């Protein structure tokens, strides 16, 4: 491995790409590349606490640590509307057969699901695919009922896990 070339490569990455890479992709790197990445993170200063960011991606978290992260993340402002005060949750939104995870406050999640229902009905009518539309609406309605229960969704847990490098500061 050419350490100098790798250092240059990391140093030249656009800031947004570098930050994403550093907070999401460390676990798959060889130890030499991780050390070079740590040096570049420190030099660039765009990723706070490089040691914590690397550590959380490379080791097994205890269930207590992960639960602390989930609880702390739920208290963040909604990524969709910016409102704070409510607890974040997550859901799978089905837009005419295309399923995507969404994280936000209850109000935003309900809006997303209802909007997806309208889109699914339109898709069913326009493309003459009523089964797909009916299935999508049924899944979104089930997701709406689950939100009403107030239960913490697996979608939110998966979001926290996949973004743990960005959320490492929650363990301090």
N, C-alpha and C. Protein backbone atom coordinates (compact mmCIF):
# COMPACT_ATOMS: atom_id res chain seq x y z
N UNK A 1 0.84 -1.18 0.00
CA UNK A 1 0.00 0.00 0.00
C UNK A 1 0.89 1.24 0.00
N UNK A 2 0.63 2.12 -0.92
CA UNK A 2 1.37 3.39 -0.99
C UNK A 2 0.69 4.37 -0.03
N UNK A 3 1.30 4.53 1.15
CA UNK A 3 0.71 5.36 2.21
C UNK A 3 0.56 6.81 1.77
N UNK A 4 1.54 7.31 1.07
CA UNK A 4 1.51 8.71 0.62
C UNK A 4 0.37 8.95 -0.38
N UNK A 5 0.20 8.01 -1.31
CA UNK A 5 -0.87 8.14 -2.31
C UNK A 5 -2.24 8.07 -1.64
N UNK A 6 -2.36 7.19 -0.65
CA UNK A 6 -3.63 7.07 0.06
C UNK A 6 -3.93 8.33 0.88
N UNK A 7 -2.90 8.88 1.50
CA UNK A 7 -3.06 10.13 2.25
C UNK A 7 -3.53 11.24 1.30
N UNK A 8 -2.93 11.32 0.13
CA UNK A 8 -3.33 12.33 -0.86
C UNK A 8 -4.76 12.09 -1.35
N UNK A 9 -5.08 10.84 -1.58
CA UNK A 9 -6.44 10.51 -2.04
C UNK A 9 -7.48 10.97 -1.01
N UNK A 10 -7.29 10.62 0.25
CA UNK A 10 -8.23 11.03 1.30
C UNK A 10 -8.25 12.56 1.45
N UNK A 11 -7.09 13.16 1.33
CA UNK A 11 -7.01 14.61 1.50
C UNK A 11 -7.74 15.38 0.39
N UNK A 12 -7.79 14.79 -0.80
CA UNK A 12 -8.41 15.47 -1.94
C UNK A 12 -9.90 15.18 -2.09
N UNK A 13 -10.42 14.26 -1.31
CA UNK A 13 -11.85 13.95 -1.42
C UNK A 13 -12.66 15.20 -1.06
N UNK A 14 -13.74 15.47 -1.78
CA UNK A 14 -14.61 16.58 -1.39
C UNK A 14 -15.09 16.39 0.06
N UNK A 15 -15.28 17.48 0.77
CA UNK A 15 -15.58 17.43 2.20
C UNK A 15 -16.77 16.53 2.52
N UNK A 16 -17.86 16.66 1.79
CA UNK A 16 -19.06 15.86 2.07
C UNK A 16 -18.80 14.38 1.85
N UNK A 17 -18.14 14.04 0.77
CA UNK A 17 -17.81 12.64 0.48
C UNK A 17 -16.86 12.08 1.53
N UNK A 18 -15.85 12.86 1.88
CA UNK A 18 -14.89 12.42 2.89
C UNK A 18 -15.58 12.17 4.23
N UNK A 19 -16.43 13.10 4.65
CA UNK A 19 -17.12 12.95 5.94
C UNK A 19 -18.00 11.71 5.93
N UNK A 20 -18.72 11.48 4.85
CA UNK A 20 -19.55 10.28 4.77
C UNK A 20 -18.66 9.03 4.84
N UNK A 21 -17.61 9.01 4.05
CA UNK A 21 -16.70 7.86 4.03
C UNK A 21 -16.13 7.60 5.42
N UNK A 22 -15.66 8.64 6.09
CA UNK A 22 -15.03 8.49 7.39
C UNK A 22 -16.01 8.04 8.47
N UNK A 23 -17.28 8.39 8.33
CA UNK A 23 -18.25 8.05 9.37
C UNK A 23 -19.08 6.81 9.05
N UNK A 24 -18.87 6.22 7.86
CA UNK A 24 -19.68 5.05 7.48
C UNK A 24 -18.88 3.85 6.96
N UNK A 25 -17.67 4.06 6.49
CA UNK A 25 -16.98 2.99 5.75
C UNK A 25 -15.69 2.49 6.39
N UNK A 26 -15.41 2.87 7.60
CA UNK A 26 -14.12 2.52 8.23
C UNK A 26 -13.99 1.02 8.47
N UNK A 27 -15.06 0.37 8.87
CA UNK A 27 -14.99 -1.04 9.28
C UNK A 27 -14.40 -1.94 8.19
N UNK A 28 -14.55 -1.61 6.94
CA UNK A 28 -14.06 -2.46 5.88
C UNK A 28 -12.63 -2.19 5.44
N UNK A 29 -11.98 -1.23 6.08
CA UNK A 29 -10.63 -0.85 5.66
C UNK A 29 -9.55 -1.66 6.39
N UNK A 30 -8.40 -1.88 5.71
CA UNK A 30 -7.29 -2.51 6.41
C UNK A 30 -6.72 -1.55 7.46
N UNK A 31 -6.08 -2.06 8.50
CA UNK A 31 -5.58 -1.21 9.60
C UNK A 31 -4.70 -0.05 9.14
N UNK A 32 -3.85 -0.27 8.12
CA UNK A 32 -2.98 0.81 7.64
C UNK A 32 -3.81 1.97 7.07
N UNK A 33 -4.86 1.63 6.34
CA UNK A 33 -5.72 2.66 5.74
C UNK A 33 -6.49 3.40 6.84
N UNK A 34 -6.88 2.69 7.89
CA UNK A 34 -7.60 3.34 9.00
C UNK A 34 -6.69 4.37 9.66
N UNK A 35 -5.44 4.03 9.84
CA UNK A 35 -4.50 4.97 10.48
C UNK A 35 -4.29 6.21 9.61
N UNK A 36 -4.19 6.01 8.31
CA UNK A 36 -4.03 7.15 7.41
C UNK A 36 -5.31 7.99 7.42
N UNK A 37 -6.45 7.34 7.41
CA UNK A 37 -7.72 8.05 7.47
C UNK A 37 -7.82 8.87 8.76
N UNK A 38 -7.37 8.30 9.87
CA UNK A 38 -7.36 9.01 11.15
C UNK A 38 -6.50 10.28 11.06
N UNK A 39 -5.35 10.16 10.41
CA UNK A 39 -4.47 11.32 10.24
C UNK A 39 -5.15 12.41 9.42
N UNK A 40 -5.81 12.01 8.35
CA UNK A 40 -6.48 12.99 7.48
C UNK A 40 -7.67 13.61 8.20
N UNK A 41 -8.43 12.81 8.95
CA UNK A 41 -9.54 13.36 9.73
C UNK A 41 -9.04 14.43 10.69
N UNK A 42 -7.94 14.14 11.35
CA UNK A 42 -7.37 15.10 12.30
C UNK A 42 -6.90 16.35 11.57
N UNK A 43 -6.23 16.16 10.45
CA UNK A 43 -5.70 17.31 9.70
C UNK A 43 -6.83 18.17 9.12
N UNK A 44 -7.85 17.55 8.58
CA UNK A 44 -8.95 18.30 7.96
C UNK A 44 -9.86 18.94 9.00
N UNK A 45 -10.06 18.27 10.11
CA UNK A 45 -10.92 18.81 11.16
C UNK A 45 -12.41 18.78 10.84
N UNK A 46 -12.80 18.06 9.80
CA UNK A 46 -14.22 18.02 9.43
C UNK A 46 -15.00 16.95 10.18
N UNK A 47 -14.29 16.01 10.78
CA UNK A 47 -14.93 14.94 11.55
C UNK A 47 -14.48 15.11 13.00
N UNK A 48 -15.41 15.51 13.87
CA UNK A 48 -15.02 15.67 15.27
C UNK A 48 -14.70 14.32 15.91
N UNK A 49 -13.69 14.32 16.76
CA UNK A 49 -13.27 13.14 17.52
C UNK A 49 -13.05 11.91 16.65
N UNK A 50 -12.03 11.96 15.78
CA UNK A 50 -11.76 10.83 14.88
C UNK A 50 -11.61 9.49 15.60
N UNK A 51 -11.02 9.50 16.80
CA UNK A 51 -10.84 8.24 17.52
C UNK A 51 -12.17 7.59 17.85
N UNK A 52 -13.13 8.37 18.32
CA UNK A 52 -14.45 7.83 18.67
C UNK A 52 -15.19 7.36 17.42
N UNK A 53 -15.07 8.10 16.33
CA UNK A 53 -15.75 7.75 15.08
C UNK A 53 -15.21 6.42 14.55
N UNK A 54 -13.91 6.25 14.59
CA UNK A 54 -13.30 5.01 14.12
C UNK A 54 -13.65 3.86 15.07
N UNK A 55 -13.52 4.11 16.35
CA UNK A 55 -13.77 3.07 17.36
C UNK A 55 -15.18 2.50 17.24
N UNK A 56 -16.16 3.36 17.12
CA UNK A 56 -17.55 2.90 17.11
C UNK A 56 -17.89 2.08 15.87
N UNK A 57 -17.13 2.27 14.79
CA UNK A 57 -17.36 1.50 13.58
C UNK A 57 -16.61 0.18 13.56
N UNK A 58 -15.57 0.08 14.38
CA UNK A 58 -14.69 -1.10 14.32
C UNK A 58 -14.89 -2.10 15.45
N UNK A 59 -15.66 -1.76 16.45
CA UNK A 59 -15.83 -2.69 17.56
C UNK A 59 -17.30 -3.04 17.75
N UNK A 60 -17.50 -4.09 18.49
CA UNK A 60 -18.86 -4.52 18.84
C UNK A 60 -19.37 -3.62 19.95
N UNK A 61 -20.51 -2.98 19.72
CA UNK A 61 -21.12 -2.15 20.76
C UNK A 61 -21.88 -3.04 21.72
N UNK A 62 -21.87 -2.70 22.98
CA UNK A 62 -22.71 -3.42 23.93
C UNK A 62 -24.15 -3.02 23.69
N UNK A 63 -25.07 -3.84 24.11
CA UNK A 63 -26.49 -3.50 23.93
C UNK A 63 -26.84 -2.23 24.70
N UNK A 64 -26.19 -2.02 25.84
CA UNK A 64 -26.44 -0.80 26.62
C UNK A 64 -25.97 0.44 25.88
N UNK A 65 -24.80 0.36 25.26
CA UNK A 65 -24.29 1.49 24.48
C UNK A 65 -25.22 1.80 23.31
N UNK A 66 -25.63 0.75 22.61
CA UNK A 66 -26.50 0.98 21.46
C UNK A 66 -27.83 1.58 21.90
N UNK A 67 -28.40 1.08 22.97
CA UNK A 67 -29.67 1.64 23.47
C UNK A 67 -29.51 3.10 23.87
N UNK A 68 -28.37 3.45 24.46
CA UNK A 68 -28.11 4.87 24.80
C UNK A 68 -28.10 5.72 23.55
N UNK A 69 -27.48 5.21 22.49
CA UNK A 69 -27.44 5.95 21.23
C UNK A 69 -28.84 6.12 20.66
N UNK A 70 -29.63 5.07 20.69
CA UNK A 70 -31.00 5.13 20.14
C UNK A 70 -31.82 6.14 20.93
N UNK A 71 -31.76 6.05 22.25
CA UNK A 71 -32.53 6.97 23.11
C UNK A 71 -32.10 8.41 22.85
N UNK A 72 -30.81 8.63 22.77
CA UNK A 72 -30.30 9.99 22.54
C UNK A 72 -30.69 10.50 21.15
N UNK A 73 -30.60 9.63 20.15
CA UNK A 73 -30.96 10.04 18.79
C UNK A 73 -32.44 10.41 18.70
N UNK A 74 -33.29 9.68 19.39
CA UNK A 74 -34.73 9.96 19.34
C UNK A 74 -35.06 11.36 19.82
N UNK A 75 -34.18 11.96 20.60
CA UNK A 75 -34.41 13.28 21.17
C UNK A 75 -33.93 14.40 20.25
N UNK A 76 -33.34 14.06 19.14
CA UNK A 76 -32.84 15.06 18.19
C UNK A 76 -34.01 15.74 17.48
N UNK A 77 -33.77 16.93 16.90
CA UNK A 77 -34.81 17.57 16.08
C UNK A 77 -35.14 16.69 14.87
N UNK A 78 -36.34 16.82 14.39
CA UNK A 78 -36.79 16.04 13.22
C UNK A 78 -35.94 16.41 12.01
N UNK A 79 -35.37 15.41 11.32
CA UNK A 79 -34.58 15.72 10.12
C UNK A 79 -35.43 16.20 8.95
N UNK A 80 -36.74 16.02 9.03
CA UNK A 80 -37.62 16.43 7.93
C UNK A 80 -38.16 17.85 8.12
N UNK A 81 -38.59 18.20 9.34
CA UNK A 81 -39.20 19.52 9.55
C UNK A 81 -38.41 20.40 10.52
N UNK A 82 -37.45 19.83 11.23
CA UNK A 82 -36.64 20.61 12.16
C UNK A 82 -37.26 20.80 13.53
N UNK A 83 -38.48 20.32 13.73
CA UNK A 83 -39.14 20.50 15.03
C UNK A 83 -38.44 19.67 16.10
N UNK A 84 -38.44 20.19 17.30
CA UNK A 84 -37.88 19.44 18.42
C UNK A 84 -38.95 19.32 19.49
N UNK A 85 -38.69 18.48 20.45
CA UNK A 85 -39.65 18.30 21.53
C UNK A 85 -40.33 16.95 21.49
N UNK A 86 -40.55 16.39 20.32
CA UNK A 86 -41.14 15.05 20.21
C UNK A 86 -40.03 14.03 20.01
N UNK A 87 -40.39 12.78 20.13
CA UNK A 87 -39.41 11.71 19.91
C UNK A 87 -39.43 11.27 18.45
N UNK A 88 -38.25 11.08 17.90
CA UNK A 88 -38.14 10.57 16.53
C UNK A 88 -38.52 9.10 16.49
N UNK A 89 -38.96 8.67 15.33
CA UNK A 89 -39.23 7.27 15.08
C UNK A 89 -38.94 7.03 13.61
N UNK A 90 -39.24 5.86 13.14
CA UNK A 90 -39.00 5.54 11.74
C UNK A 90 -40.09 4.64 11.21
N UNK A 91 -40.20 4.59 9.91
CA UNK A 91 -41.18 3.72 9.26
C UNK A 91 -40.70 3.41 7.85
N UNK A 92 -41.29 2.37 7.30
CA UNK A 92 -41.08 2.07 5.89
C UNK A 92 -42.24 2.66 5.12
N UNK A 93 -41.93 3.52 4.15
CA UNK A 93 -42.95 4.16 3.33
C UNK A 93 -42.98 3.43 1.99
N UNK A 94 -44.18 2.99 1.60
CA UNK A 94 -44.35 2.24 0.37
C UNK A 94 -45.01 3.14 -0.66
N UNK A 95 -44.25 3.50 -1.67
CA UNK A 95 -44.76 4.34 -2.75
C UNK A 95 -44.93 3.47 -3.99
N UNK A 96 -46.10 2.89 -4.11
CA UNK A 96 -46.44 2.06 -5.27
C UNK A 96 -45.41 0.95 -5.49
N UNK A 97 -45.06 0.26 -4.43
CA UNK A 97 -44.13 -0.85 -4.54
C UNK A 97 -42.68 -0.50 -4.28
N UNK A 98 -42.34 0.77 -4.26
CA UNK A 98 -40.98 1.20 -3.94
C UNK A 98 -40.95 1.54 -2.45
N UNK A 99 -40.20 0.78 -1.69
CA UNK A 99 -40.19 0.93 -0.23
C UNK A 99 -38.92 1.66 0.19
N UNK A 100 -39.12 2.68 1.05
CA UNK A 100 -37.95 3.41 1.55
C UNK A 100 -38.12 3.68 3.04
N UNK A 101 -37.02 3.57 3.78
CA UNK A 101 -37.08 3.90 5.20
C UNK A 101 -37.08 5.42 5.38
N UNK A 102 -37.87 5.90 6.33
CA UNK A 102 -37.94 7.32 6.63
C UNK A 102 -37.88 7.49 8.14
N UNK A 103 -37.07 8.44 8.59
CA UNK A 103 -36.95 8.76 10.01
C UNK A 103 -37.40 10.19 10.21
N UNK A 104 -38.21 10.42 11.24
CA UNK A 104 -38.69 11.76 11.53
C UNK A 104 -39.61 11.79 12.73
N UNK A 105 -40.23 12.93 12.96
CA UNK A 105 -41.21 13.05 14.04
C UNK A 105 -42.50 12.36 13.59
N UNK A 106 -43.35 12.09 14.53
CA UNK A 106 -44.59 11.37 14.20
C UNK A 106 -45.41 12.11 13.14
N UNK A 107 -45.52 13.42 13.26
CA UNK A 107 -46.30 14.21 12.32
C UNK A 107 -45.75 14.07 10.90
N UNK A 108 -44.45 14.17 10.75
CA UNK A 108 -43.83 14.05 9.42
C UNK A 108 -43.98 12.64 8.85
N UNK A 109 -43.83 11.64 9.71
CA UNK A 109 -43.98 10.27 9.24
C UNK A 109 -45.41 10.01 8.77
N UNK A 110 -46.38 10.53 9.51
CA UNK A 110 -47.78 10.39 9.09
C UNK A 110 -48.01 11.07 7.75
N UNK A 111 -47.45 12.26 7.57
CA UNK A 111 -47.59 12.98 6.29
C UNK A 111 -46.97 12.18 5.16
N UNK A 112 -45.79 11.61 5.40
CA UNK A 112 -45.11 10.80 4.37
C UNK A 112 -45.96 9.60 3.98
N UNK A 113 -46.52 8.92 4.96
CA UNK A 113 -47.32 7.72 4.68
C UNK A 113 -48.61 8.09 3.93
N UNK A 114 -49.26 9.16 4.33
CA UNK A 114 -50.50 9.58 3.66
C UNK A 114 -50.22 10.05 2.24
N UNK A 115 -49.12 10.77 2.06
CA UNK A 115 -48.72 11.21 0.73
C UNK A 115 -48.41 10.00 -0.16
N UNK A 116 -47.74 9.01 0.41
CA UNK A 116 -47.42 7.80 -0.34
C UNK A 116 -48.70 7.05 -0.72
N UNK A 117 -49.69 7.08 0.15
CA UNK A 117 -50.97 6.44 -0.19
C UNK A 117 -51.61 7.11 -1.40
N UNK A 118 -51.59 8.43 -1.41
CA UNK A 118 -52.16 9.16 -2.57
C UNK A 118 -51.38 8.82 -3.85
N UNK A 119 -50.07 8.77 -3.73
CA UNK A 119 -49.24 8.44 -4.90
C UNK A 119 -49.50 7.01 -5.37
N UNK A 120 -49.68 6.11 -4.42
CA UNK A 120 -49.92 4.70 -4.77
C UNK A 120 -51.26 4.53 -5.48
N UNK A 121 -52.27 5.25 -5.02
CA UNK A 121 -53.57 5.17 -5.68
C UNK A 121 -53.46 5.74 -7.09
N UNK A 122 -52.78 6.86 -7.23
CA UNK A 122 -52.57 7.44 -8.56
C UNK A 122 -51.81 6.50 -9.48
N UNK A 123 -50.79 5.85 -8.94
CA UNK A 123 -50.01 4.89 -9.71
C UNK A 123 -50.90 3.74 -10.16
N UNK A 124 -51.74 3.25 -9.24
CA UNK A 124 -52.61 2.12 -9.56
C UNK A 124 -53.57 2.46 -10.69
N UNK A 125 -54.13 3.67 -10.64
CA UNK A 125 -55.09 4.09 -11.67
C UNK A 125 -54.38 4.36 -12.99
N UNK A 126 -53.29 5.13 -12.94
CA UNK A 126 -52.60 5.54 -14.16
C UNK A 126 -51.96 4.36 -14.89
N UNK A 127 -51.31 3.48 -14.13
CA UNK A 127 -50.60 2.36 -14.75
C UNK A 127 -51.42 1.07 -14.77
N UNK A 128 -52.65 1.19 -14.35
CA UNK A 128 -53.57 0.05 -14.32
C UNK A 128 -52.95 -1.13 -13.57
N UNK A 129 -52.47 -0.84 -12.37
CA UNK A 129 -51.89 -1.87 -11.50
C UNK A 129 -52.55 -1.79 -10.13
N UNK A 130 -53.82 -2.16 -10.07
CA UNK A 130 -54.55 -2.00 -8.81
C UNK A 130 -53.99 -2.84 -7.66
N UNK A 131 -53.47 -4.01 -7.93
CA UNK A 131 -52.95 -4.86 -6.86
C UNK A 131 -51.78 -4.17 -6.17
N UNK A 132 -50.85 -3.62 -6.94
CA UNK A 132 -49.71 -2.91 -6.38
C UNK A 132 -50.18 -1.73 -5.54
N UNK A 133 -51.13 -0.98 -6.04
CA UNK A 133 -51.65 0.17 -5.30
C UNK A 133 -52.31 -0.24 -4.00
N UNK A 134 -53.13 -1.29 -4.06
CA UNK A 134 -53.83 -1.77 -2.86
C UNK A 134 -52.83 -2.29 -1.83
N UNK A 135 -51.84 -3.03 -2.27
CA UNK A 135 -50.82 -3.55 -1.35
C UNK A 135 -50.05 -2.41 -0.69
N UNK A 136 -49.69 -1.41 -1.48
CA UNK A 136 -48.95 -0.27 -0.95
C UNK A 136 -49.76 0.47 0.11
N UNK A 137 -51.01 0.74 -0.21
CA UNK A 137 -51.88 1.44 0.74
C UNK A 137 -52.05 0.60 2.00
N UNK A 138 -52.24 -0.69 1.85
CA UNK A 138 -52.38 -1.57 3.02
C UNK A 138 -51.16 -1.54 3.92
N UNK A 139 -49.97 -1.58 3.31
CA UNK A 139 -48.73 -1.54 4.11
C UNK A 139 -48.56 -0.19 4.80
N UNK A 140 -48.89 0.88 4.09
CA UNK A 140 -48.78 2.21 4.69
C UNK A 140 -49.79 2.39 5.82
N UNK A 141 -51.00 1.87 5.64
CA UNK A 141 -51.99 1.95 6.71
C UNK A 141 -51.53 1.18 7.94
N UNK A 142 -50.92 0.02 7.73
CA UNK A 142 -50.38 -0.76 8.85
C UNK A 142 -49.27 0.03 9.55
N UNK A 143 -48.45 0.71 8.77
CA UNK A 143 -47.38 1.53 9.35
C UNK A 143 -47.96 2.70 10.15
N UNK A 144 -49.04 3.29 9.67
CA UNK A 144 -49.71 4.36 10.41
C UNK A 144 -50.23 3.85 11.75
N UNK A 145 -50.82 2.67 11.76
CA UNK A 145 -51.31 2.09 13.02
C UNK A 145 -50.15 1.82 13.98
N UNK A 146 -49.04 1.35 13.43
CA UNK A 146 -47.87 1.09 14.28
C UNK A 146 -47.34 2.39 14.89
N UNK A 147 -47.33 3.47 14.12
CA UNK A 147 -46.91 4.76 14.66
C UNK A 147 -47.81 5.20 15.80
N UNK A 148 -49.10 4.98 15.65
CA UNK A 148 -50.04 5.35 16.70
C UNK A 148 -49.79 4.61 17.99
N UNK A 149 -49.22 3.41 17.90
CA UNK A 149 -48.94 2.62 19.10
C UNK A 149 -47.81 3.24 19.93
N UNK A 150 -46.99 4.06 19.27
CA UNK A 150 -45.87 4.69 19.96
C UNK A 150 -44.66 3.80 20.12
N UNK A 151 -44.71 2.58 19.60
CA UNK A 151 -43.58 1.66 19.70
C UNK A 151 -42.39 2.16 18.89
N UNK A 152 -41.23 1.91 19.39
CA UNK A 152 -40.00 2.25 18.68
C UNK A 152 -39.84 1.29 17.51
N UNK A 153 -39.73 1.82 16.32
CA UNK A 153 -39.66 1.00 15.10
C UNK A 153 -38.25 0.49 14.85
N UNK A 154 -38.19 -0.71 14.29
CA UNK A 154 -36.91 -1.30 13.90
C UNK A 154 -36.20 -0.42 12.87
N UNK A 155 -36.96 0.29 12.06
CA UNK A 155 -36.37 1.18 11.05
C UNK A 155 -35.49 2.23 11.72
N UNK A 156 -35.92 2.75 12.85
CA UNK A 156 -35.12 3.75 13.56
C UNK A 156 -33.84 3.12 14.10
N UNK A 157 -33.95 1.93 14.67
CA UNK A 157 -32.75 1.23 15.18
C UNK A 157 -31.74 0.99 14.05
N UNK A 158 -32.24 0.57 12.90
CA UNK A 158 -31.35 0.33 11.77
C UNK A 158 -30.70 1.63 11.30
N UNK A 159 -31.45 2.71 11.32
CA UNK A 159 -30.90 4.02 10.94
C UNK A 159 -29.74 4.40 11.88
N UNK A 160 -29.96 4.24 13.17
CA UNK A 160 -28.91 4.57 14.15
C UNK A 160 -27.70 3.68 13.91
N UNK A 161 -27.92 2.40 13.68
CA UNK A 161 -26.79 1.48 13.47
C UNK A 161 -26.00 1.88 12.23
N UNK A 162 -26.67 2.16 11.13
CA UNK A 162 -25.97 2.49 9.88
C UNK A 162 -25.28 3.85 9.95
N UNK A 163 -25.68 4.69 10.87
CA UNK A 163 -25.09 6.02 11.00
C UNK A 163 -24.33 6.19 12.31
N UNK A 164 -23.92 5.09 12.92
CA UNK A 164 -23.27 5.17 14.23
C UNK A 164 -21.99 5.98 14.22
N UNK A 165 -21.29 6.01 13.11
CA UNK A 165 -20.08 6.83 13.04
C UNK A 165 -20.40 8.31 13.20
N UNK A 166 -21.50 8.75 12.59
CA UNK A 166 -21.93 10.14 12.73
C UNK A 166 -22.44 10.43 14.14
N UNK A 167 -22.93 9.40 14.81
CA UNK A 167 -23.58 9.57 16.10
C UNK A 167 -22.68 9.18 17.28
N UNK A 168 -21.41 8.96 17.03
CA UNK A 168 -20.48 8.51 18.07
C UNK A 168 -20.49 9.44 19.28
N UNK A 169 -20.70 10.71 19.05
CA UNK A 169 -20.69 11.69 20.14
C UNK A 169 -21.81 11.45 21.15
N UNK A 170 -22.83 10.68 20.79
CA UNK A 170 -23.92 10.40 21.72
C UNK A 170 -23.46 9.51 22.88
N UNK A 171 -22.34 8.84 22.74
CA UNK A 171 -21.86 7.96 23.81
C UNK A 171 -20.99 8.68 24.82
N UNK A 172 -20.76 9.96 24.63
CA UNK A 172 -19.91 10.71 25.57
C UNK A 172 -20.72 11.19 26.74
